[in-house]
Amino acid sequence: YQRRAREAVVSTQSTGEHNIIPGIKVDKGVVPLPGTDGETVTQGIDGLGERCAKYKAGGAQFAKWRAVLKISDNGPSELAIQENAYTLARYATICQQHGLVPIVEPEVLCDGTHTLERCQEVSERVFAAVYKACLDHNLYLEGSLLKPNMVTPGMQCPVKATPEQVACATVTALSRTVPPAVVGVTFLSGGQSEEAASQNLNAINNFGDKARKPWALSFSYGRALQASVLKAWQGKPENVPAAQNELRKRAYANHMACLGKYHGDIEGASAGDSLFIANHQY
């Protein structure tokens, strides 16, 4: 949990000095789920309590755990939904027992030709199962965050959706399934381009009235914050200032999107590039 970067030690103490709250990914990746047609469940529950105690002692304040579900003609199966919901809830409760804020991440992958409507249907089933499991596990909802996919058509779907359509489908799915007690929803980017992720987040924050969106609607992007940064950096020390500038631009774009005030006027080195990776694992 503490590593060396060149000559400097990067630690929770140094991040705290810069008002950065450290956290850690605690799952151990996905494994095949027996009895299904290639579906998966996330592993890592065994020994999680001991690991969380160690991470908390090391300065971590939050954790994340990613569950992956894929849309197909007959999937995701009810077994895959229930098993992943159960492990997410179990993980989240264990985190809270050790003083960590759990980020609950049920990701419905964007792989496939499915429509926006099909993604909404599956997302609602998944989110509902997750919060049923969380309630069964006595999770303190006010001390947790949700990191879901936005509701979008599959990457190979011939019919694309506008940001307004994505916003309508996403807010509808959340309002039907996520308790108001949950503090915030921090969307994953899920293979969208940097610009699409920002535009869709902006539309979500502008959609409907506040009563339908009782949570803070923010972002927890990986690829959609890093693509332009990595392209500018190219692993060269002399490119660090340019890479830092790209990160500042993307972070500001998404900050404005959280306020519903992003106008698509921030360019980036890879802002419009697709970041889709089939069956993305990490």
C-alpha atoms as a PDB file:
ATOM      1  CA  TYR A   1       0.000   0.000   0.000  1.00  0.00           C
ATOM      2  CA  GLN A   2       3.093   2.151   0.025  1.00  0.00           C
ATOM      3  CA  ARG A   3       5.374   2.252  -3.014  1.00  0.00           C
ATOM      4  CA  ARG A   4       8.459   4.046  -4.267  1.00  0.00           C
ATOM      5  CA  ALA A   5       8.281   6.367  -7.281  1.00  0.00           C
ATOM      6  CA  ARG A   6      11.775   7.322  -8.409  1.00  0.00           C
ATOM      7  CA  GLU A   7      13.402   8.672  -5.210  1.00  0.00           C
ATOM      8  CA  ALA A   8      10.225   9.738  -3.415  1.00  0.00           C
ATOM      9  CA  VAL A   9       8.011   7.642  -1.193  1.00  0.00           C
ATOM     10  CA  VAL A  10       4.347   8.047  -2.152  1.00  0.00           C
ATOM     11  CA  SER A  11       2.275   7.394   0.958  1.00  0.00           C
ATOM     12  CA  THR A  12      -1.045   8.158   2.543  1.00  0.00           C
ATOM     13  CA  GLN A  13       0.667  10.895   4.545  1.00  0.00           C
ATOM     14  CA  SER A  14       1.770  12.786   1.443  1.00  0.00           C
ATOM     15  CA  THR A  15      -1.616  12.420  -0.243  1.00  0.00           C
ATOM     16  CA  GLY A  16      -3.330  13.727   2.874  1.00  0.00           C
ATOM     17  CA  GLU A  17      -1.179  16.822   2.786  1.00  0.00           C
ATOM     18  CA  HIS A  18      -2.681  17.599  -0.637  1.00  0.00           C
ATOM     19  CA  ASN A  19      -6.295  16.925   0.440  1.00  0.00           C
ATOM     20  CA  ILE A  20      -6.339  13.649  -1.495  1.00  0.00           C
ATOM     21  CA  ILE A  21      -8.330  10.875   0.175  1.00  0.00           C
ATOM     22  CA  PRO A  22      -6.677   7.485  -0.510  1.00  0.00           C
ATOM     23  CA  GLY A  23      -8.592   4.315  -1.244  1.00  0.00           C
ATOM     24  CA  ILE A  24      -7.927   0.861  -2.604  1.00  0.00           C
ATOM     25  CA  LYS A  25      -9.419  -1.783  -4.899  1.00  0.00           C
ATOM     26  CA  VAL A  26      -9.988  -4.867  -2.756  1.00  0.00           C
ATOM     27  CA  ASP A  27     -11.478  -7.472  -5.104  1.00  0.00           C
ATOM     28  CA  LYS A  28      -9.314 -10.126  -6.761  1.00  0.00           C
ATOM     29  CA  GLY A  29     -10.845 -10.107 -10.217  1.00  0.00           C
ATOM     30  CA  VAL A  30     -13.495 -12.262 -11.838  1.00  0.00           C
ATOM     31  CA  VAL A  31     -13.708 -16.033 -12.174  1.00  0.00           C
ATOM     32  CA  PRO A  32     -16.134 -18.198 -14.168  1.00  0.00           C
ATOM     33  CA  LEU A  33     -19.466 -18.753 -12.437  1.00  0.00           C
ATOM     34  CA  PRO A  34     -20.327 -22.483 -12.545  1.00  0.00           C
ATOM     35  CA  GLY A  35     -23.681 -23.326 -14.049  1.00  0.00           C
ATOM     36  CA  THR A  36     -23.710 -20.389 -16.448  1.00  0.00           C
ATOM     37  CA  ASP A  37     -22.777 -19.819 -20.072  1.00  0.00           C
ATOM     38  CA  GLY A  38     -19.499 -17.973 -19.568  1.00  0.00           C
ATOM     39  CA  GLU A  39     -20.719 -15.541 -16.910  1.00  0.00           C
ATOM     40  CA  THR A  40     -18.514 -14.471 -14.026  1.00  0.00           C
ATOM     41  CA  VAL A  41     -18.505 -13.594 -10.350  1.00  0.00           C
ATOM     42  CA  THR A  42     -15.938 -11.477  -8.519  1.00  0.00           C
ATOM     43  CA  GLN A  43     -13.653 -13.197  -6.016  1.00  0.00           C
ATOM     44  CA  GLY A  44     -11.901 -11.886  -2.918  1.00  0.00           C
ATOM     45  CA  ILE A  45     -14.319 -12.266  -0.013  1.00  0.00           C
ATOM     46  CA  ASP A  46     -12.068 -14.771   1.798  1.00  0.00           C
ATOM     47  CA  GLY A  47      -9.730 -12.841   4.062  1.00  0.00           C
ATOM     48  CA  LEU A  48     -11.296  -9.504   3.126  1.00  0.00           C
ATOM     49  CA  GLY A  49     -11.802  -8.454   6.734  1.00  0.00           C
ATOM     50  CA  GLU A  50      -8.127  -8.893   7.550  1.00  0.00           C
ATOM     51  CA  ARG A  51      -7.109  -7.019   4.400  1.00  0.00           C
ATOM     52  CA  CYS A  52      -9.485  -4.153   5.151  1.00  0.00           C
ATOM     53  CA  ALA A  53      -8.076  -3.817   8.668  1.00  0.00           C
ATOM     54  CA  LYS A  54      -4.578  -3.591   7.195  1.00  0.00           C
ATOM     55  CA  TYR A  55      -5.616  -1.035   4.569  1.00  0.00           C
ATOM     56  CA  LYS A  56      -7.384   1.103   7.178  1.00  0.00           C
ATOM     57  CA  ALA A  57      -4.314   1.027   9.410  1.00  0.00           C
ATOM     58  CA  GLY A  58      -2.273   2.095   6.379  1.00  0.00           C
ATOM     59  CA  GLY A  59      -4.425   5.169   5.850  1.00  0.00           C
ATOM     60  CA  ALA A  60      -7.092   4.064   3.350  1.00  0.00           C
ATOM     61  CA  GLN A  61     -10.503   5.671   3.767  1.00  0.00           C
ATOM     62  CA  PHE A  62     -12.519   3.928   1.063  1.00  0.00           C
ATOM     63  CA  ALA A  63     -12.493   0.798  -1.079  1.00  0.00           C
ATOM     64  CA  LYS A  64     -14.017  -0.424  -4.337  1.00  0.00           C
ATOM     65  CA  TRP A  65     -15.180  -3.774  -5.662  1.00  0.00           C
ATOM     66  CA  ARG A  66     -16.209  -4.330  -9.278  1.00  0.00           C
ATOM     67  CA  ALA A  67     -18.838  -6.826 -10.395  1.00  0.00           C
ATOM     68  CA  VAL A  68     -19.274  -7.454 -14.127  1.00  0.00           C
ATOM     69  CA  LEU A  69     -22.435  -8.490 -15.955  1.00  0.00           C
ATOM     70  CA  LYS A  70     -22.813  -8.860 -19.694  1.00  0.00           C
ATOM     71  CA  ILE A  71     -25.953  -8.482 -21.788  1.00  0.00           C
ATOM     72  CA  SER A  72     -26.690 -11.278 -24.255  1.00  0.00           C
ATOM     73  CA  ASP A  73     -29.787 -12.836 -25.811  1.00  0.00           C
ATOM     74  CA  ASN A  74     -30.457 -14.734 -22.591  1.00  0.00           C
ATOM     75  CA  GLY A  75     -28.319 -12.906 -20.128  1.00  0.00           C
ATOM     76  CA  PRO A  76     -27.365 -11.886 -17.663  1.00  0.00           C
ATOM     77  CA  SER A  77     -28.852 -14.881 -15.894  1.00  0.00           C
ATOM     78  CA  GLU A  78     -30.656 -14.528 -12.600  1.00  0.00           C
ATOM     79  CA  LEU A  79     -27.902 -16.619 -11.007  1.00  0.00           C
ATOM     80  CA  ALA A  80     -25.197 -14.211 -12.175  1.00  0.00           C
ATOM     81  CA  ILE A  81     -27.177 -11.185 -10.987  1.00  0.00           C
ATOM     82  CA  GLN A  82     -27.875 -12.658  -7.549  1.00  0.00           C
ATOM     83  CA  GLU A  83     -24.347 -13.975  -6.968  1.00  0.00           C
ATOM     84  CA  ASN A  84     -22.750 -10.673  -7.906  1.00  0.00           C
ATOM     85  CA  ALA A  85     -25.273  -8.699  -5.859  1.00  0.00           C
ATOM     86  CA  TYR A  86     -24.581 -10.892  -2.836  1.00  0.00           C
ATOM     87  CA  THR A  87     -20.806 -10.521  -3.061  1.00  0.00           C
ATOM     88  CA  LEU A  88     -21.079  -6.745  -3.536  1.00  0.00           C
ATOM     89  CA  ALA A  89     -23.247  -6.460  -0.432  1.00  0.00           C
ATOM     90  CA  ARG A  90     -20.984  -8.758   1.580  1.00  0.00           C
ATOM     91  CA  TYR A  91     -17.905  -6.783   0.558  1.00  0.00           C
ATOM     92  CA  ALA A  92     -19.580  -3.465   1.400  1.00  0.00           C
ATOM     93  CA  THR A  93     -20.619  -4.602   4.863  1.00  0.00           C
ATOM     94  CA  ILE A  94     -17.143  -5.943   5.647  1.00  0.00           C
ATOM     95  CA  CYS A  95     -15.631  -2.620   4.570  1.00  0.00           C
ATOM     96  CA  GLN A  96     -17.906  -0.675   6.875  1.00  0.00           C
ATOM     97  CA  GLN A  97     -17.061  -2.982   9.768  1.00  0.00           C
ATOM     98  CA  HIS A  98     -13.446  -1.872   9.362  1.00  0.00           C
ATOM     99  CA  GLY A  99     -14.097   1.837   8.877  1.00  0.00           C
ATOM    100  CA  LEU A 100     -13.843   2.003   5.085  1.00  0.00           C
ATOM    101  CA  VAL A 101     -16.445   3.621   2.839  1.00  0.00           C
ATOM    102  CA  PRO A 102     -17.429   1.028   0.206  1.00  0.00           C
ATOM    103  CA  ILE A 103     -17.858   1.978  -3.426  1.00  0.00           C
ATOM    104  CA  VAL A 104     -20.368  -0.517  -4.823  1.00  0.00           C
ATOM    105  CA  GLU A 105     -19.667  -1.084  -8.519  1.00  0.00           C
ATOM    106  CA  PRO A 106     -22.122  -3.231 -10.504  1.00  0.00           C
ATOM    107  CA  GLU A 107     -21.062  -2.750 -14.128  1.00  0.00           C
ATOM    108  CA  VAL A 108     -23.346  -3.809 -16.953  1.00  0.00           C
ATOM    109  CA  LEU A 109     -20.859  -3.983 -19.814  1.00  0.00           C
ATOM    110  CA  CYS A 110     -21.432  -2.033 -23.001  1.00  0.00           C
ATOM    111  CA  ASP A 111     -20.260  -4.948 -25.196  1.00  0.00           C
ATOM    112  CA  GLY A 112     -22.850  -6.041 -27.741  1.00  0.00           C
ATOM    113  CA  THR A 113     -25.592  -4.913 -30.075  1.00  0.00           C
ATOM    114  CA  HIS A 114     -28.265  -4.367 -27.426  1.00  0.00           C
ATOM    115  CA  THR A 115     -30.472  -1.294 -27.536  1.00  0.00           C
ATOM    116  CA  LEU A 116     -30.762   1.525 -25.021  1.00  0.00           C
ATOM    117  CA  GLU A 117     -34.052   0.044 -23.820  1.00  0.00           C
ATOM    118  CA  ARG A 118     -32.491  -3.375 -23.255  1.00  0.00           C
ATOM    119  CA  CYS A 119     -29.644  -1.838 -21.256  1.00  0.00           C
ATOM    120  CA  GLN A 120     -32.128   0.033 -19.099  1.00  0.00           C
ATOM    121  CA  GLU A 121     -34.109  -3.132 -18.437  1.00  0.00           C
ATOM    122  CA  VAL A 122     -31.005  -5.085 -17.389  1.00  0.00           C
ATOM    123  CA  SER A 123     -29.551  -2.216 -15.363  1.00  0.00           C
ATOM    124  CA  GLU A 124     -32.767  -1.909 -13.377  1.00  0.00           C
ATOM    125  CA  ARG A 125     -32.720  -5.649 -12.597  1.00  0.00           C
ATOM    126  CA  VAL A 126     -29.094  -5.476 -11.502  1.00  0.00           C
ATOM    127  CA  PHE A 127     -29.386  -2.314  -9.383  1.00  0.00           C
ATOM    128  CA  ALA A 128     -32.535  -3.604  -7.695  1.00  0.00           C
ATOM    129  CA  ALA A 129     -30.860  -6.904  -6.816  1.00  0.00           C
ATOM    130  CA  VAL A 130     -27.803  -5.112  -5.461  1.00  0.00           C
ATOM    131  CA  TYR A 131     -29.811  -2.932  -3.091  1.00  0.00           C
ATOM    132  CA  LYS A 132     -32.013  -5.810  -1.978  1.00  0.00           C
ATOM    133  CA  ALA A 133     -28.807  -7.650  -1.038  1.00  0.00           C
ATOM    134  CA  CYS A 134     -27.382  -4.541   0.650  1.00  0.00           C
ATOM    135  CA  LEU A 135     -30.497  -4.208   2.799  1.00  0.00           C
ATOM    136  CA  ASP A 136     -30.373  -7.919   3.647  1.00  0.00           C
ATOM    137  CA  HIS A 137     -26.779  -7.417   4.802  1.00  0.00           C
ATOM    138  CA  ASN A 138     -27.735  -4.383   6.930  1.00  0.00           C
ATOM    139  CA  LEU A 139     -25.499  -2.047   4.967  1.00  0.00           C
ATOM    140  CA  TYR A 140     -25.463   1.538   6.232  1.00  0.00           C
ATOM    141  CA  LEU A 141     -26.513   3.149   2.962  1.00  0.00           C
ATOM    142  CA  GLU A 142     -25.606   6.667   4.050  1.00  0.00           C
ATOM    143  CA  GLY A 143     -21.997   5.497   4.366  1.00  0.00           C
ATOM    144  CA  SER A 144     -21.661   4.084   0.850  1.00  0.00           C
ATOM    145  CA  LEU A 145     -21.394   5.138  -2.786  1.00  0.00           C
ATOM    146  CA  LEU A 146     -22.715   3.558  -5.970  1.00  0.00           C
ATOM    147  CA  LYS A 147     -20.487   3.346  -9.059  1.00  0.00           C
ATOM    148  CA  PRO A 148     -22.763   2.141 -11.876  1.00  0.00           C
ATOM    149  CA  ASN A 149     -22.687   2.157 -15.646  1.00  0.00           C
ATOM    150  CA  MET A 150     -24.654   4.805 -17.481  1.00  0.00           C
ATOM    151  CA  VAL A 151     -27.509   3.355 -19.494  1.00  0.00           C
ATOM    152  CA  THR A 152     -26.293   3.337 -23.100  1.00  0.00           C
ATOM    153  CA  PRO A 153     -26.798   1.204 -26.205  1.00  0.00           C
ATOM    154  CA  GLY A 154     -24.252  -1.537 -26.826  1.00  0.00           C
ATOM    155  CA  MET A 155     -21.099  -0.407 -28.590  1.00  0.00           C
ATOM    156  CA  GLN A 156     -22.047  -2.456 -31.651  1.00  0.00           C
ATOM    157  CA  CYS A 157     -25.673  -1.279 -31.706  1.00  0.00           C
ATOM    158  CA  PRO A 158     -26.447   0.483 -35.010  1.00  0.00           C
ATOM    159  CA  VAL A 159     -28.830   2.900 -33.277  1.00  0.00           C
ATOM    160  CA  LYS A 160     -26.924   5.439 -31.193  1.00  0.00           C
ATOM    161  CA  ALA A 161     -28.373   7.506 -28.365  1.00  0.00           C
ATOM    162  CA  THR A 162     -28.129  11.227 -27.727  1.00  0.00           C
ATOM    163  CA  PRO A 163     -26.899  12.489 -24.338  1.00  0.00           C
ATOM    164  CA  GLU A 164     -30.486  13.453 -23.519  1.00  0.00           C
ATOM    165  CA  GLN A 165     -31.696   9.911 -24.233  1.00  0.00           C
ATOM    166  CA  VAL A 166     -28.884   8.441 -22.139  1.00  0.00           C
ATOM    167  CA  ALA A 167     -29.804  10.830 -19.331  1.00  0.00           C
ATOM    168  CA  CYS A 168     -33.480   9.904 -19.411  1.00  0.00           C
ATOM    169  CA  ALA A 169     -32.792   6.154 -19.385  1.00  0.00           C
ATOM    170  CA  THR A 170     -30.124   6.430 -16.688  1.00  0.00           C
ATOM    171  CA  VAL A 171     -32.064   8.647 -14.294  1.00  0.00           C
ATOM    172  CA  THR A 172     -35.175   6.511 -14.770  1.00  0.00           C
ATOM    173  CA  ALA A 173     -33.255   3.314 -13.958  1.00  0.00           C
ATOM    174  CA  LEU A 174     -31.674   4.853 -10.878  1.00  0.00           C
ATOM    175  CA  SER A 175     -34.879   6.433  -9.580  1.00  0.00           C
ATOM    176  CA  ARG A 176     -36.633   3.057  -9.767  1.00  0.00           C
ATOM    177  CA  THR A 177     -33.972   1.120  -7.881  1.00  0.00           C
ATOM    178  CA  VAL A 178     -31.511   3.182  -5.798  1.00  0.00           C
ATOM    179  CA  PRO A 179     -32.616   4.301  -2.318  1.00  0.00           C
ATOM    180  CA  PRO A 180     -32.453   8.063  -1.620  1.00  0.00           C
ATOM    181  CA  ALA A 181     -30.319   7.290   1.432  1.00  0.00           C
ATOM    182  CA  VAL A 182     -27.345   6.491  -0.809  1.00  0.00           C
ATOM    183  CA  VAL A 183     -25.039   9.505  -0.622  1.00  0.00           C
ATOM    184  CA  GLY A 184     -23.825   9.663  -4.198  1.00  0.00           C
ATOM    185  CA  VAL A 185     -23.666   8.035  -7.611  1.00  0.00           C
ATOM    186  CA  THR A 186     -20.226   8.181  -9.225  1.00  0.00           C
ATOM    187  CA  PHE A 187     -20.524   6.891 -12.774  1.00  0.00           C
ATOM    188  CA  LEU A 188     -17.923   4.742 -14.489  1.00  0.00           C
ATOM    189  CA  SER A 189     -17.115   5.685 -18.081  1.00  0.00           C
ATOM    190  CA  GLY A 190     -17.332   2.145 -19.445  1.00  0.00           C
ATOM    191  CA  GLY A 191     -15.503   2.589 -22.734  1.00  0.00           C
ATOM    192  CA  GLN A 192     -17.115   5.882 -23.741  1.00  0.00           C
ATOM    193  CA  SER A 193     -14.846   8.511 -25.217  1.00  0.00           C
ATOM    194  CA  GLU A 194     -13.733  11.265 -22.878  1.00  0.00           C
ATOM    195  CA  GLU A 195     -16.053  13.734 -24.542  1.00  0.00           C
ATOM    196  CA  ALA A 196     -19.059  11.398 -24.592  1.00  0.00           C
ATOM    197  CA  ALA A 197     -18.604  10.614 -20.896  1.00  0.00           C
ATOM    198  CA  SER A 198     -18.571  14.340 -20.086  1.00  0.00           C
ATOM    199  CA  GLN A 199     -21.526  15.166 -22.344  1.00  0.00           C
ATOM    200  CA  ASN A 200     -23.620  12.325 -20.931  1.00  0.00           C
ATOM    201  CA  LEU A 201     -22.817  13.277 -17.331  1.00  0.00           C
ATOM    202  CA  ASN A 202     -23.800  16.853 -18.095  1.00  0.00           C
ATOM    203  CA  ALA A 203     -27.114  15.723 -19.587  1.00  0.00           C
ATOM    204  CA  ILE A 204     -27.810  13.492 -16.569  1.00  0.00           C
ATOM    205  CA  ASN A 205     -27.354  16.413 -14.205  1.00  0.00           C
ATOM    206  CA  ASN A 206     -29.643  18.573 -16.348  1.00  0.00           C
ATOM    207  CA  PHE A 207     -32.387  15.967 -16.718  1.00  0.00           C
ATOM    208  CA  GLY A 208     -35.688  16.333 -14.905  1.00  0.00           C
ATOM    209  CA  ASP A 209     -36.257  17.852 -11.505  1.00  0.00           C
ATOM    210  CA  LYS A 210     -34.132  17.433  -8.392  1.00  0.00           C
ATOM    211  CA  ALA A 211     -36.779  15.301  -6.678  1.00  0.00           C
ATOM    212  CA  ARG A 212     -36.016  12.492  -9.139  1.00  0.00           C
ATOM    213  CA  LYS A 213     -32.291  12.755  -8.403  1.00  0.00           C
ATOM    214  CA  PRO A 214     -31.779  12.826  -4.624  1.00  0.00           C
ATOM    215  CA  TRP A 215     -28.128  11.759  -4.911  1.00  0.00           C
ATOM    216  CA  ALA A 216     -25.021  13.684  -5.926  1.00  0.00           C
ATOM    217  CA  LEU A 217     -24.348  12.613  -9.532  1.00  0.00           C
ATOM    218  CA  SER A 218     -20.636  12.655 -10.202  1.00  0.00           C
ATOM    219  CA  PHE A 219     -17.893  10.665 -11.945  1.00  0.00           C
ATOM    220  CA  SER A 220     -15.315   8.011 -11.137  1.00  0.00           C
ATOM    221  CA  TYR A 221     -13.728   7.659 -14.546  1.00  0.00           C
ATOM    222  CA  GLY A 222     -10.618   5.722 -15.422  1.00  0.00           C
ATOM    223  CA  ARG A 223     -10.059   5.616 -19.157  1.00  0.00           C
ATOM    224  CA  ALA A 224     -12.137   8.770 -19.733  1.00  0.00           C
ATOM    225  CA  LEU A 225      -9.770  10.765 -17.520  1.00  0.00           C
ATOM    226  CA  GLN A 226      -6.531   9.142 -18.643  1.00  0.00           C
ATOM    227  CA  ALA A 227      -6.587   8.780 -22.431  1.00  0.00           C
ATOM    228  CA  SER A 228      -5.545  12.320 -23.344  1.00  0.00           C
ATOM    229  CA  VAL A 229      -3.101  12.375 -20.433  1.00  0.00           C
ATOM    230  CA  LEU A 230      -1.336   9.232 -21.599  1.00  0.00           C
ATOM    231  CA  LYS A 231      -1.266  10.397 -25.208  1.00  0.00           C
ATOM    232  CA  ALA A 232       0.327  13.693 -24.197  1.00  0.00           C
ATOM    233  CA  TRP A 233       2.792  12.077 -21.811  1.00  0.00           C
ATOM    234  CA  GLN A 234       4.065   9.142 -23.935  1.00  0.00           C
ATOM    235  CA  GLY A 235       6.264   8.084 -21.038  1.00  0.00           C
ATOM    236  CA  LYS A 236       8.631  11.031 -21.513  1.00  0.00           C
ATOM    237  CA  PRO A 237       9.654  13.247 -18.557  1.00  0.00           C
ATOM    238  CA  GLU A 238       9.675  16.359 -20.732  1.00  0.00           C
ATOM    239  CA  ASN A 239       5.989  15.789 -21.544  1.00  0.00           C
ATOM    240  CA  VAL A 240       4.841  15.785 -17.910  1.00  0.00           C
ATOM    241  CA  PRO A 241       3.619  19.432 -17.945  1.00  0.00           C
ATOM    242  CA  ALA A 242       1.567  18.787 -21.084  1.00  0.00           C
ATOM    243  CA  ALA A 243       0.100  15.633 -19.548  1.00  0.00           C
ATOM    244  CA  GLN A 244      -0.773  17.491 -16.352  1.00  0.00           C
ATOM    245  CA  ASN A 245      -2.517  20.145 -18.411  1.00  0.00           C
ATOM    246  CA  GLU A 246      -4.613  17.467 -20.143  1.00  0.00           C
ATOM    247  CA  LEU A 247      -5.636  16.074 -16.751  1.00  0.00           C
ATOM    248  CA  ARG A 248      -6.626  19.520 -15.514  1.00  0.00           C
ATOM    249  CA  LYS A 249      -8.748  20.110 -18.626  1.00  0.00           C
ATOM    250  CA  ARG A 250     -10.557  16.781 -18.344  1.00  0.00           C
ATOM    251  CA  ALA A 251     -11.118  17.136 -14.623  1.00  0.00           C
ATOM    252  CA  TYR A 252     -12.534  20.641 -15.143  1.00  0.00           C
ATOM    253  CA  ALA A 253     -14.808  19.428 -17.952  1.00  0.00           C
ATOM    254  CA  ASN A 254     -16.280  16.767 -15.674  1.00  0.00           C
ATOM    255  CA  HIS A 255     -16.524  19.183 -12.759  1.00  0.00           C
ATOM    256  CA  MET A 256     -18.658  21.435 -14.944  1.00  0.00           C
ATOM    257  CA  ALA A 257     -20.683  18.408 -16.106  1.00  0.00           C
ATOM    258  CA  CYS A 258     -21.492  17.635 -12.468  1.00  0.00           C
ATOM    259  CA  LEU A 259     -23.004  21.106 -12.297  1.00  0.00           C
ATOM    260  CA  GLY A 260     -24.849  20.678 -15.595  1.00  0.00           C
ATOM    261  CA  LYS A 261     -22.796  23.501 -17.094  1.00  0.00           C
ATOM    262  CA  TYR A 262     -20.473  21.735 -19.530  1.00  0.00           C
ATOM    263  CA  HIS A 263     -20.812  23.048 -23.083  1.00  0.00           C
ATOM    264  CA  GLY A 264     -18.437  20.714 -24.916  1.00  0.00           C
ATOM    265  CA  ASP A 265     -15.877  23.451 -25.383  1.00  0.00           C
ATOM    266  CA  ILE A 266     -12.833  21.700 -23.886  1.00  0.00           C
ATOM    267  CA  GLU A 267     -10.605  19.898 -26.372  1.00  0.00           C
ATOM    268  CA  GLY A 268      -8.222  17.073 -25.518  1.00  0.00           C
ATOM    269  CA  ALA A 269      -5.546  15.020 -27.215  1.00  0.00           C
ATOM    270  CA  SER A 270      -7.868  11.990 -27.312  1.00  0.00           C
ATOM    271  CA  ALA A 271     -11.192  13.523 -26.270  1.00  0.00           C
ATOM    272  CA  GLY A 272     -13.200  12.008 -29.131  1.00  0.00           C
ATOM    273  CA  ASP A 273     -11.430   8.644 -29.362  1.00  0.00           C
ATOM    274  CA  SER A 274     -13.367   5.497 -28.496  1.00  0.00           C
ATOM    275  CA  LEU A 275     -11.994   3.866 -25.339  1.00  0.00           C
ATOM    276  CA  PHE A 276     -13.967   0.656 -25.695  1.00  0.00           C
ATOM    277  CA  ILE A 277     -12.170  -2.575 -24.777  1.00  0.00           C
ATOM    278  CA  ALA A 278     -14.144  -5.789 -25.251  1.00  0.00           C
ATOM    279  CA  ASN A 279     -14.712  -7.757 -22.016  1.00  0.00           C
ATOM    280  CA  HIS A 280     -12.691  -5.164 -20.133  1.00  0.00           C
ATOM    281  CA  GLN A 281     -10.933  -6.607 -17.077  1.00  0.00           C
ATOM    282  CA  TYR A 282      -8.502  -5.108 -14.584  1.00  0.00           C
END
